[in-house]
Amino acid sequence: MVRALFQRDPALVVARGESAAVRDSMNRSRRALVTVLGAAIDRGELRTELDAEQAARVVHLVQMALMDHVLDPQWLQADDQLIDTTLDVLLRGLGASEPTAPPAEVHS
């Protein structure tokens, strides 16, 4: 049910009568995340060119994907390394902190 609520599963939303409480909770959660990300951007903890609203949407998407993976019955064993890697990529990105030289070409 948590998975369905977070993904606004139409069957659940209809069954719950498009609950204002669920919508309000989701909106408060999103606004809080935007506030936290905006403050982190202002303090220089996150890149200054980030848009807090868009970054919050990305964090939400990653959260939903991770939750979907963890709650899927075929993936009952939560993988701590997956969670750690997800957080690392989310917080530090995929790029090298310092550009690295491409590998030297080998001529035969």
C-alpha atoms as a PDB file:
ATOM      1  CA  MET A   1       0.000   0.000   0.000  1.00  0.00           C
ATOM      2  CA  VAL A   2       2.885   2.400   0.738  1.00  0.00           C
ATOM      3  CA  ARG A   3       4.198   1.829  -2.778  1.00  0.00           C
ATOM      4  CA  ALA A   4       0.751   2.512  -4.264  1.00  0.00           C
ATOM      5  CA  LEU A   5       0.275   5.650  -2.162  1.00  0.00           C
ATOM      6  CA  PHE A   6       3.604   7.162  -3.118  1.00  0.00           C
ATOM      7  CA  GLN A   7       3.049   6.389  -6.782  1.00  0.00           C
ATOM      8  CA  ARG A   8      -0.551   7.614  -6.598  1.00  0.00           C
ATOM      9  CA  ASP A   9      -1.799   4.277  -7.933  1.00  0.00           C
ATOM     10  CA  PRO A  10      -5.135   5.106  -9.609  1.00  0.00           C
ATOM     11  CA  ALA A  11      -6.886   2.100  -8.063  1.00  0.00           C
ATOM     12  CA  LEU A  12      -5.859   3.181  -4.573  1.00  0.00           C
ATOM     13  CA  VAL A  13      -6.539   6.864  -5.189  1.00  0.00           C
ATOM     14  CA  VAL A  14     -10.058   6.075  -6.413  1.00  0.00           C
ATOM     15  CA  ALA A  15     -10.611   3.668  -3.531  1.00  0.00           C
ATOM     16  CA  ARG A  16      -9.436   6.299  -1.029  1.00  0.00           C
ATOM     17  CA  GLY A  17     -11.677   8.916  -2.653  1.00  0.00           C
ATOM     18  CA  GLU A  18      -8.713  11.033  -3.833  1.00  0.00           C
ATOM     19  CA  SER A  19      -7.939  11.746  -0.226  1.00  0.00           C
ATOM     20  CA  ALA A  20      -7.134  15.378   0.511  1.00  0.00           C
ATOM     21  CA  ALA A  21      -5.074  14.191   3.477  1.00  0.00           C
ATOM     22  CA  VAL A  22      -2.844  12.089   1.206  1.00  0.00           C
ATOM     23  CA  ARG A  23      -2.429  14.995  -1.253  1.00  0.00           C
ATOM     24  CA  ASP A  24      -1.685  17.414   1.589  1.00  0.00           C
ATOM     25  CA  SER A  25       0.877  15.048   3.083  1.00  0.00           C
ATOM     26  CA  MET A  26       2.616  14.600  -0.273  1.00  0.00           C
ATOM     27  CA  ASN A  27       2.641  18.377  -0.889  1.00  0.00           C
ATOM     28  CA  ARG A  28       4.042  19.107   2.598  1.00  0.00           C
ATOM     29  CA  SER A  29       6.745  16.506   2.059  1.00  0.00           C
ATOM     30  CA  ARG A  30       7.687  18.009  -1.331  1.00  0.00           C
ATOM     31  CA  ARG A  31       7.748  21.566   0.050  1.00  0.00           C
ATOM     32  CA  ALA A  32       9.927  20.454   2.977  1.00  0.00           C
ATOM     33  CA  LEU A  33      12.378  18.799   0.588  1.00  0.00           C
ATOM     34  CA  VAL A  34      12.511  21.926  -1.590  1.00  0.00           C
ATOM     35  CA  THR A  35      13.205  23.994   1.546  1.00  0.00           C
ATOM     36  CA  VAL A  36      15.978  21.644   2.721  1.00  0.00           C
ATOM     37  CA  LEU A  37      17.593  21.508  -0.720  1.00  0.00           C
ATOM     38  CA  GLY A  38      17.314  25.294  -1.121  1.00  0.00           C
ATOM     39  CA  ALA A  39      19.007  25.844   2.246  1.00  0.00           C
ATOM     40  CA  ALA A  40      21.782  23.392   1.318  1.00  0.00           C
ATOM     41  CA  ILE A  41      22.279  25.241  -1.983  1.00  0.00           C
ATOM     42  CA  ASP A  42      22.426  28.574  -0.130  1.00  0.00           C
ATOM     43  CA  ARG A  43      25.048  27.191   2.302  1.00  0.00           C
ATOM     44  CA  GLY A  44      27.161  25.908  -0.590  1.00  0.00           C
ATOM     45  CA  GLU A  45      26.654  22.262   0.354  1.00  0.00           C
ATOM     46  CA  LEU A  46      25.057  21.610  -3.028  1.00  0.00           C
ATOM     47  CA  ARG A  47      25.876  23.143  -6.389  1.00  0.00           C
ATOM     48  CA  THR A  48      24.659  26.710  -6.641  1.00  0.00           C
ATOM     49  CA  GLU A  49      23.291  26.238 -10.159  1.00  0.00           C
ATOM     50  CA  LEU A  50      20.788  23.613  -8.987  1.00  0.00           C
ATOM     51  CA  ASP A  51      17.096  24.485  -9.064  1.00  0.00           C
ATOM     52  CA  ALA A  52      15.704  23.286  -5.713  1.00  0.00           C
ATOM     53  CA  GLU A  53      12.264  22.488  -7.210  1.00  0.00           C
ATOM     54  CA  GLN A  54      13.722  20.381 -10.009  1.00  0.00           C
ATOM     55  CA  ALA A  55      16.266  18.749  -7.707  1.00  0.00           C
ATOM     56  CA  ALA A  56      13.407  17.789  -5.360  1.00  0.00           C
ATOM     57  CA  ARG A  57      11.604  16.156  -8.282  1.00  0.00           C
ATOM     58  CA  VAL A  58      14.731  14.151  -9.113  1.00  0.00           C
ATOM     59  CA  VAL A  59      15.186  13.102  -5.479  1.00  0.00           C
ATOM     60  CA  HIS A  60      11.527  12.050  -5.420  1.00  0.00           C
ATOM     61  CA  LEU A  61      11.956   9.989  -8.596  1.00  0.00           C
ATOM     62  CA  VAL A  62      15.039   8.264  -7.180  1.00  0.00           C
ATOM     63  CA  GLN A  63      13.191   7.656  -3.906  1.00  0.00           C
ATOM     64  CA  MET A  64      10.268   6.075  -5.767  1.00  0.00           C
ATOM     65  CA  ALA A  65      12.552   3.900  -7.889  1.00  0.00           C
ATOM     66  CA  LEU A  66      14.465   2.746  -4.818  1.00  0.00           C
ATOM     67  CA  MET A  67      11.251   2.098  -2.904  1.00  0.00           C
ATOM     68  CA  ASP A  68       9.831   0.197  -5.877  1.00  0.00           C
ATOM     69  CA  HIS A  69      12.962  -1.954  -5.952  1.00  0.00           C
ATOM     70  CA  VAL A  70      13.013  -2.596  -2.206  1.00  0.00           C
ATOM     71  CA  LEU A  71       9.265  -3.312  -1.928  1.00  0.00           C
ATOM     72  CA  ASP A  72       9.046  -5.528  -5.009  1.00  0.00           C
ATOM     73  CA  PRO A  73       8.471  -9.101  -3.800  1.00  0.00           C
ATOM     74  CA  GLN A  74      11.193 -10.427  -6.101  1.00  0.00           C
ATOM     75  CA  TRP A  75      13.705  -8.139  -4.356  1.00  0.00           C
ATOM     76  CA  LEU A  76      12.829  -8.908  -0.747  1.00  0.00           C
ATOM     77  CA  GLN A  77      16.431  -8.719   0.361  1.00  0.00           C
ATOM     78  CA  ALA A  78      17.282  -5.032   0.622  1.00  0.00           C
ATOM     79  CA  ASP A  79      20.790  -4.518  -0.648  1.00  0.00           C
ATOM     80  CA  ASP A  80      22.650  -2.037   1.571  1.00  0.00           C
ATOM     81  CA  GLN A  81      25.299  -1.556  -1.106  1.00  0.00           C
ATOM     82  CA  LEU A  82      22.593  -0.535  -3.615  1.00  0.00           C
ATOM     83  CA  ILE A  83      21.206   1.993  -1.152  1.00  0.00           C
ATOM     84  CA  ASP A  84      24.703   3.330  -0.367  1.00  0.00           C
ATOM     85  CA  THR A  85      25.548   3.607  -4.081  1.00  0.00           C
ATOM     86  CA  THR A  86      22.220   5.329  -4.803  1.00  0.00           C
ATOM     87  CA  LEU A  87      22.923   7.929  -2.129  1.00  0.00           C
ATOM     88  CA  ASP A  88      26.515   8.369  -3.332  1.00  0.00           C
ATOM     89  CA  VAL A  89      25.431   8.948  -6.946  1.00  0.00           C
ATOM     90  CA  LEU A  90      22.623  11.241  -5.836  1.00  0.00           C
ATOM     91  CA  LEU A  91      24.889  13.328  -3.602  1.00  0.00           C
ATOM     92  CA  ARG A  92      28.137  13.264  -5.609  1.00  0.00           C
ATOM     93  CA  GLY A  93      27.018  12.448  -9.146  1.00  0.00           C
ATOM     94  CA  LEU A  94      28.770  10.209 -11.635  1.00  0.00           C
ATOM     95  CA  GLY A  95      31.605  12.501 -12.683  1.00  0.00           C
ATOM     96  CA  ALA A  96      35.144  12.300 -11.367  1.00  0.00           C
ATOM     97  CA  SER A  97      35.957  14.988  -8.820  1.00  0.00           C
ATOM     98  CA  GLU A  98      39.063  15.795 -10.842  1.00  0.00           C
ATOM     99  CA  PRO A  99      39.173  15.249 -14.593  1.00  0.00           C
ATOM    100  CA  THR A 100      41.304  12.275 -15.412  1.00  0.00           C
ATOM    101  CA  ALA A 101      43.452  11.824 -18.479  1.00  0.00           C
ATOM    102  CA  PRO A 102      42.078   9.326 -20.986  1.00  0.00           C
ATOM    103  CA  PRO A 103      43.974   6.047 -21.117  1.00  0.00           C
ATOM    104  CA  ALA A 104      47.012   6.132 -23.371  1.00  0.00           C
ATOM    105  CA  GLU A 105      46.412   4.629 -26.790  1.00  0.00           C
ATOM    106  CA  VAL A 106      48.259   1.448 -27.498  1.00  0.00           C
ATOM    107  CA  HIS A 107      49.670   1.231 -31.033  1.00  0.00           C
ATOM    108  CA  SER A 108      50.439  -2.167 -32.438  1.00  0.00           C
END
